[in-house]
Amino acid sequence: MQIFSNTHYDFIKWRWHAIILSALVILAGAVMVVQRGLPLGIDFSGGTIVVYHFDKPVTEDAIRTAIESVPGEKVVQQYGKPGENSYSIRLPQVQGREEGFSLEEDARKLEAAVKAANIGTFTQISREVVGPAIGKDLQKKGLWATLFSILGITAYIALRFRLTFALGAIAATFHDILVTLAFLVFFGYDLSLNVIAALLTITGYSVNDTIVIFDRVRENMHTMRRDDLEKVVNESVNQTLGRTLITAGTTFLSVLALYLFGGEVLKGFAFTMLVGIISGTYSTIFIAAAVAILMSRRAAGLPAGAAAVASQAAGSSQAAGTTARPVSGGKKSATRSQRKANVR
């Protein structure tokens, strides 16, 4: 059974609307980053984070009051579902202190302060201690991993297809990363190693969808020689629409199950994947194709819309030339002239 078979949606018509929408989302995310800063997880910023489970309901304000004596800017957040009575407490690394000793000391001070406040019996579920040197090293490695993956994708698409298609794919990839980061900021998720892993996964996932469409474009360019690139790309997107939506839908449902039932540790990874799948499908249909068309026209030295006019004019002149020829040559002569027109 096929779905979305023989569709003729004009996706290219809405490319500017899609580009404006994406620009607004990315701009809103950038404004929030400027105002609040990029929320780095403990993997990158360094510090101490502990998770306590209480035997009775406790409020975040009660925990903040209990740990006021511990130095540093403390962040208290609910951990897990609301009824589980679990909270995470995060302390940043204080500059100028001996890193290993101070981090362990902060964890012990937190535990002592919560006990002294007598707000309830609790057990420590987990504790993470990351020094600033390790955090900076992880930042550098995560950045290089992302850049190298994008450069490798660019080289592959440029060699297999053409450079303008590679630019379209890279524009879509950066679009997916920036949109996903914007939603992470909107919903208050920290940038951790799990999130970086999800971003790299999104990069490969999005490019895979884009390559499927570009491969169909390359095939259709041989059978639709008289049509302009805009029509060829739009037809290719329609031909692969069923495959794109089925793949994205099944992946989305799998990651949604991971988000709902995978626990708090995988929440950031799963949320990043959910946003990335939606953004990747959207950018494959609208952003990558639109940028590829714009770059191809610019490389050919044609303004927007000139390619379609030139193609129609060429088709009309070829049709007129074919009908003006005498019929004396018969079917063989007509076939030969048609071949010459196709070659031209």
Protein backbone atom coordinates (compact mmCIF):
# COMPACT_ATOMS: atom_id res chain seq x y z
CA MET A 1 0.00 0.00 0.00
CA GLN A 2 1.29 3.43 -0.97
CA ILE A 3 0.46 6.74 0.66
CA PHE A 4 0.98 10.16 -0.89
CA SER A 5 1.30 8.55 -4.32
CA ASN A 6 1.14 10.75 -7.40
CA THR A 7 1.03 13.98 -5.38
CA HIS A 8 1.57 17.40 -6.95
CA TYR A 9 1.97 19.76 -4.00
CA ASP A 10 3.81 22.98 -4.80
CA PHE A 11 6.33 22.96 -1.95
CA ILE A 12 8.70 25.36 -3.66
CA LYS A 13 5.96 27.98 -3.68
CA TRP A 14 6.14 28.16 0.12
CA ARG A 15 9.93 28.27 0.43
CA TRP A 16 10.10 31.94 1.42
CA HIS A 17 7.41 31.49 4.05
CA ALA A 18 9.38 28.55 5.47
CA ILE A 19 12.65 30.50 5.46
CA ILE A 20 11.03 33.43 7.29
CA LEU A 21 9.48 31.11 9.89
CA SER A 22 12.82 29.40 10.52
CA ALA A 23 14.60 32.76 10.77
CA LEU A 24 12.10 33.94 13.40
CA VAL A 25 12.58 30.80 15.52
CA ILE A 26 16.38 31.01 15.31
CA LEU A 27 16.32 34.75 16.07
CA ALA A 28 14.12 34.20 19.13
CA GLY A 29 16.52 31.52 20.36
CA ALA A 30 19.52 33.82 19.80
CA VAL A 31 17.84 36.60 21.80
CA MET A 32 17.23 34.25 24.72
CA VAL A 33 20.84 33.04 24.60
CA VAL A 34 22.08 36.65 24.70
CA GLN A 35 19.80 37.44 27.64
CA ARG A 36 20.25 34.26 29.68
CA GLY A 37 23.34 32.63 28.22
CA LEU A 38 23.61 29.15 26.72
CA PRO A 39 22.63 26.66 29.45
CA LEU A 40 25.66 24.37 29.70
CA GLY A 41 25.32 21.08 31.51
CA ILE A 42 27.74 19.92 34.14
CA ASP A 43 29.68 18.01 31.47
CA PHE A 44 30.84 21.33 29.99
CA SER A 45 30.67 23.86 32.80
CA GLY A 46 32.10 21.73 35.60
CA GLY A 47 30.70 21.50 39.12
CA THR A 48 28.70 19.20 41.35
CA ILE A 49 25.22 17.83 40.84
CA VAL A 50 23.47 15.50 43.29
CA VAL A 51 20.00 13.97 43.17
CA TYR A 52 18.08 13.31 46.38
CA HIS A 53 14.88 11.29 46.83
CA PHE A 54 12.74 12.26 49.83
CA ASP A 55 10.34 9.98 51.66
CA LYS A 56 7.65 12.68 51.80
CA PRO A 57 6.65 15.68 49.66
CA VAL A 58 9.14 18.57 49.87
CA THR A 59 9.08 21.89 48.05
CA GLU A 60 11.95 23.40 46.08
CA ASP A 61 11.86 26.49 48.29
CA ALA A 62 12.37 24.32 51.39
CA ILE A 63 15.46 22.74 49.83
CA ARG A 64 16.83 26.15 48.78
CA THR A 65 16.40 27.43 52.32
CA ALA A 66 18.13 24.34 53.72
CA ILE A 67 21.26 24.78 51.58
CA GLU A 68 21.64 28.57 51.93
CA SER A 69 24.79 28.10 53.99
CA VAL A 70 26.57 26.29 51.14
CA PRO A 71 28.59 28.83 49.08
CA GLY A 72 27.97 29.30 45.37
CA GLU A 73 25.02 29.89 43.08
CA LYS A 74 22.80 26.86 43.62
CA VAL A 75 20.17 25.51 41.21
CA VAL A 76 17.39 23.29 42.58
CA GLN A 77 15.13 21.49 40.10
CA GLN A 78 12.54 18.78 40.27
CA TYR A 79 13.91 15.47 39.04
CA GLY A 80 11.58 13.01 37.34
CA LYS A 81 7.80 13.10 37.64
CA PRO A 82 6.07 15.50 40.08
CA GLY A 83 4.94 12.81 42.50
CA GLU A 84 8.32 11.10 42.88
CA ASN A 85 9.70 13.63 45.45
CA SER A 86 13.11 13.69 43.77
CA TYR A 87 15.21 16.84 43.30
CA SER A 88 18.53 17.68 41.72
CA ILE A 89 20.86 20.24 43.28
CA ARG A 90 23.61 21.75 41.18
CA LEU A 91 26.62 23.75 42.34
CA PRO A 92 29.04 25.40 39.89
CA GLN A 93 32.80 25.08 40.19
CA VAL A 94 34.22 28.03 42.14
CA GLN A 95 37.23 29.55 40.41
CA GLY A 96 40.51 29.63 42.28
CA ARG A 97 39.85 26.57 44.42
CA GLU A 98 41.54 23.22 44.17
CA GLU A 99 39.25 21.44 41.76
CA GLY A 100 39.03 17.83 42.95
CA PHE A 101 38.94 18.56 46.68
CA SER A 102 36.46 21.46 46.43
CA LEU A 103 33.97 19.49 44.33
CA GLU A 104 33.88 16.58 46.78
CA GLU A 105 33.70 19.02 49.67
CA ASP A 106 30.69 20.78 48.11
CA ALA A 107 28.85 17.45 47.80
CA ARG A 108 29.46 16.69 51.47
CA LYS A 109 28.33 20.19 52.51
CA LEU A 110 25.10 19.80 50.57
CA GLU A 111 24.28 16.51 52.26
CA ALA A 112 25.06 17.90 55.70
CA ALA A 113 22.96 21.02 55.12
CA VAL A 114 19.90 19.04 53.98
CA LYS A 115 20.22 16.73 57.00
CA ALA A 116 20.54 19.67 59.40
CA ALA A 117 17.39 21.32 58.00
CA ASN A 118 15.36 18.25 59.01
CA ILE A 119 12.99 18.56 56.05
CA GLY A 120 12.64 14.81 55.68
CA THR A 121 14.50 11.57 55.29
CA PHE A 122 16.26 11.31 51.96
CA THR A 123 18.54 9.06 49.98
CA GLN A 124 21.13 10.09 47.41
CA ILE A 125 20.22 8.69 43.99
CA SER A 126 23.25 9.93 42.07
CA ARG A 127 26.17 12.31 42.24
CA GLU A 128 28.25 13.77 39.42
CA VAL A 129 31.47 15.68 39.90
CA VAL A 130 33.16 17.27 36.88
CA GLY A 131 36.18 19.58 37.05
CA PRO A 132 36.49 22.70 34.85
CA ALA A 133 39.46 21.29 32.94
CA ILE A 134 37.47 18.21 31.93
CA GLY A 135 34.50 20.42 31.03
CA LYS A 136 36.58 22.59 28.69
CA ASP A 137 38.10 19.51 27.06
CA LEU A 138 34.64 18.07 26.46
CA GLN A 139 33.50 21.39 24.96
CA LYS A 140 36.39 21.35 22.52
CA LYS A 141 35.86 17.72 21.51
CA GLY A 142 32.11 18.20 21.05
CA LEU A 143 32.68 21.25 18.82
CA TRP A 144 35.30 19.48 16.68
CA ALA A 145 33.10 16.40 16.32
CA THR A 146 30.23 18.54 15.01
CA LEU A 147 32.43 20.53 12.60
CA PHE A 148 34.18 17.45 11.18
CA SER A 149 30.86 15.69 10.59
CA ILE A 150 29.52 18.71 8.68
CA LEU A 151 32.70 19.02 6.58
CA GLY A 152 32.59 15.31 5.73
CA ILE A 153 28.96 15.58 4.66
CA THR A 154 29.75 18.63 2.49
CA ALA A 155 32.58 16.84 0.70
CA TYR A 156 30.47 13.72 0.08
CA ILE A 157 27.50 15.58 -1.41
CA ALA A 158 29.75 17.87 -3.50
CA LEU A 159 31.47 14.84 -5.03
CA ARG A 160 28.36 12.75 -5.56
CA PHE A 161 26.05 15.51 -6.80
CA ARG A 162 27.22 19.11 -7.26
CA LEU A 163 28.53 21.89 -5.04
CA THR A 164 25.27 23.85 -5.07
CA PHE A 165 23.43 20.79 -3.74
CA ALA A 166 26.06 20.43 -1.01
CA LEU A 167 25.44 24.04 0.03
CA GLY A 168 21.72 23.31 0.25
CA ALA A 169 22.33 20.27 2.44
CA ILE A 170 24.69 22.16 4.74
CA ALA A 171 22.24 25.06 5.03
CA ALA A 172 19.56 22.55 6.07
CA THR A 173 21.96 20.93 8.56
CA PHE A 174 22.85 24.24 10.22
CA HIS A 175 19.15 25.10 10.20
CA ASP A 176 18.32 21.89 12.11
CA ILE A 177 21.08 22.45 14.67
CA LEU A 178 20.13 26.09 15.31
CA VAL A 179 16.38 25.37 15.51
CA THR A 180 17.00 22.49 17.91
CA LEU A 181 19.27 24.63 20.10
CA ALA A 182 16.58 27.32 20.14
CA PHE A 183 13.99 24.85 21.42
CA LEU A 184 16.43 23.55 24.03
CA VAL A 185 16.75 27.11 25.32
CA PHE A 186 12.97 27.65 25.17
CA PHE A 187 12.26 24.56 27.31
CA GLY A 188 15.22 24.93 29.68
CA TYR A 189 17.31 21.87 28.74
CA ASP A 190 21.05 21.99 29.45
CA LEU A 191 23.61 21.35 26.73
CA SER A 192 25.17 18.05 27.82
CA LEU A 193 27.06 15.20 26.18
CA ASN A 194 23.77 13.39 25.58
CA VAL A 195 22.43 16.44 23.74
CA ILE A 196 25.61 16.69 21.63
CA ALA A 197 25.19 13.01 20.70
CA ALA A 198 21.59 13.74 19.68
CA LEU A 199 22.69 16.75 17.58
CA LEU A 200 25.22 14.59 15.72
CA THR A 201 22.53 11.97 15.14
CA ILE A 202 20.19 14.65 13.79
CA THR A 203 22.91 15.84 11.42
CA GLY A 204 23.22 12.42 9.81
CA TYR A 205 19.47 11.81 9.85
CA SER A 206 18.63 15.09 8.13
CA VAL A 207 21.31 14.70 5.48
CA ASN A 208 20.12 11.17 4.73
CA ASP A 209 16.65 12.49 3.86
CA THR A 210 18.16 15.30 1.80
CA ILE A 211 20.33 12.90 -0.20
CA VAL A 212 17.28 10.79 -1.09
CA ILE A 213 15.61 13.85 -2.62
CA PHE A 214 18.78 15.04 -4.38
CA ASP A 215 19.29 11.58 -5.84
CA ARG A 216 15.78 11.71 -7.28
CA VAL A 217 16.50 15.21 -8.62
CA ARG A 218 19.55 13.88 -10.43
CA GLU A 219 17.48 11.09 -12.02
CA ASN A 220 14.68 13.45 -13.04
CA MET A 221 17.08 15.92 -14.62
CA HIS A 222 17.73 13.32 -17.34
CA THR A 223 14.03 12.71 -18.05
CA MET A 224 12.81 16.31 -17.55
CA ARG A 225 15.43 18.18 -19.57
CA ARG A 226 13.04 20.82 -20.86
CA ASP A 227 11.76 21.73 -17.39
CA ASP A 228 13.44 24.26 -15.16
CA LEU A 229 15.21 23.19 -11.96
CA GLU A 230 12.40 24.49 -9.75
CA LYS A 231 9.87 22.14 -11.33
CA VAL A 232 12.31 19.20 -11.29
CA VAL A 233 13.03 19.69 -7.57
CA ASN A 234 9.34 20.09 -6.71
CA GLU A 235 8.46 16.92 -8.60
CA SER A 236 11.29 15.05 -6.86
CA VAL A 237 10.06 16.14 -3.42
CA ASN A 238 6.55 14.91 -4.28
CA GLN A 239 7.86 11.57 -5.53
CA THR A 240 9.76 10.92 -2.27
CA LEU A 241 7.16 12.45 0.05
CA GLY A 242 5.67 9.14 1.16
CA ARG A 243 9.07 7.68 2.00
CA THR A 244 10.12 10.83 3.87
CA LEU A 245 7.00 11.00 6.05
CA ILE A 246 6.90 7.26 6.81
CA THR A 247 10.56 7.24 7.86
CA ALA A 248 10.16 10.37 9.98
CA GLY A 249 6.91 9.10 11.53
CA THR A 250 8.27 5.74 12.65
CA THR A 251 11.45 7.32 14.02
CA PHE A 252 9.42 9.97 15.83
CA LEU A 253 7.22 7.36 17.54
CA SER A 254 10.27 5.39 18.69
CA VAL A 255 11.95 8.47 20.17
CA LEU A 256 8.65 9.59 21.73
CA ALA A 257 8.50 6.28 23.62
CA LEU A 258 12.07 6.91 24.77
CA TYR A 259 11.10 10.40 25.95
CA LEU A 260 8.04 9.17 27.87
CA PHE A 261 9.48 6.01 29.42
CA GLY A 262 13.28 6.36 29.20
CA GLY A 263 13.72 8.16 32.50
CA GLU A 264 15.12 11.55 33.43
CA VAL A 265 18.66 10.77 32.28
CA LEU A 266 17.56 10.34 28.64
CA LYS A 267 15.02 13.20 28.63
CA GLY A 268 17.45 15.72 27.10
CA PHE A 269 18.60 13.28 24.42
CA ALA A 270 15.06 12.25 23.49
CA PHE A 271 13.73 15.82 23.43
CA THR A 272 16.58 16.90 21.16
CA MET A 273 15.85 14.00 18.82
CA LEU A 274 12.11 14.79 18.72
CA VAL A 275 12.73 18.40 17.73
CA GLY A 276 15.47 17.37 15.30
CA ILE A 277 13.27 14.82 13.50
CA ILE A 278 10.53 17.40 12.93
CA SER A 279 13.02 20.09 11.93
CA GLY A 280 14.97 17.68 9.70
CA THR A 281 11.87 16.61 7.77
CA TYR A 282 10.76 20.22 7.43
CA SER A 283 14.18 21.43 6.24
CA THR A 284 14.53 18.55 3.78
CA ILE A 285 11.30 19.54 2.05
CA PHE A 286 11.61 23.32 2.22
CA ILE A 287 15.10 24.60 3.17
CA ALA A 288 17.54 22.26 1.38
CA ALA A 289 15.65 22.33 -1.93
CA ALA A 290 15.15 26.10 -1.82
CA VAL A 291 18.82 26.83 -1.13
CA ALA A 292 19.94 24.38 -3.83
CA ILE A 293 17.73 26.16 -6.39
CA LEU A 294 18.98 29.61 -5.35
CA MET A 295 22.62 28.55 -5.46
CA SER A 296 22.19 26.83 -8.84
CA ARG A 297 20.64 29.96 -10.34
CA ARG A 298 23.36 32.15 -8.92
CA ALA A 299 26.04 29.83 -10.26
CA ALA A 300 24.40 29.98 -13.70
CA GLY A 301 24.18 33.77 -13.51
CA LEU A 302 20.36 33.79 -13.72
CA PRO A 303 18.11 35.92 -11.54
CA ALA A 304 15.11 34.41 -9.80
CA GLY A 305 12.49 33.33 -12.33
CA ALA A 306 14.78 33.66 -15.35
CA ALA A 307 15.41 29.92 -15.54
CA ALA A 308 11.73 29.14 -16.01
CA VAL A 309 11.34 31.79 -18.73
CA ALA A 310 14.42 30.56 -20.57
CA SER A 311 13.23 26.96 -20.36
CA GLN A 312 9.78 27.81 -21.71
CA ALA A 313 11.26 29.87 -24.53
CA ALA A 314 13.60 27.04 -25.47
CA GLY A 315 10.74 24.55 -25.47
CA SER A 316 8.60 26.81 -27.68
CA SER A 317 11.39 27.38 -30.20
CA GLN A 318 12.12 23.67 -30.39
CA ALA A 319 8.44 22.89 -30.96
CA ALA A 320 8.16 25.57 -33.67
CA GLY A 321 11.31 24.34 -35.40
CA THR A 322 10.02 20.81 -35.46
CA THR A 323 6.64 21.69 -36.97
CA ALA A 324 8.17 24.02 -39.61
CA ARG A 325 10.28 21.26 -41.17
CA PRO A 326 8.93 19.52 -44.31
CA VAL A 327 7.30 16.15 -43.92
CA SER A 328 9.18 14.63 -46.83
CA GLY A 329 11.75 13.02 -44.55
CA GLY A 330 9.08 10.86 -42.98
CA LYS A 331 9.18 9.40 -39.49
CA LYS A 332 12.93 8.77 -39.56
CA SER A 333 13.67 12.46 -40.26
CA ALA A 334 11.37 13.62 -37.47
CA THR A 335 13.02 11.23 -35.03
CA ARG A 336 16.48 12.48 -36.00
CA SER A 337 15.47 16.12 -35.53
CA GLN A 338 13.97 15.33 -32.12
CA ARG A 339 17.24 13.71 -31.03
CA LYS A 340 19.18 16.79 -32.10
CA ALA A 341 16.82 19.01 -30.11
CA ASN A 342 17.32 16.87 -27.02
CA VAL A 343 21.09 17.03 -27.42
CA ARG A 344 20.95 20.79 -27.69
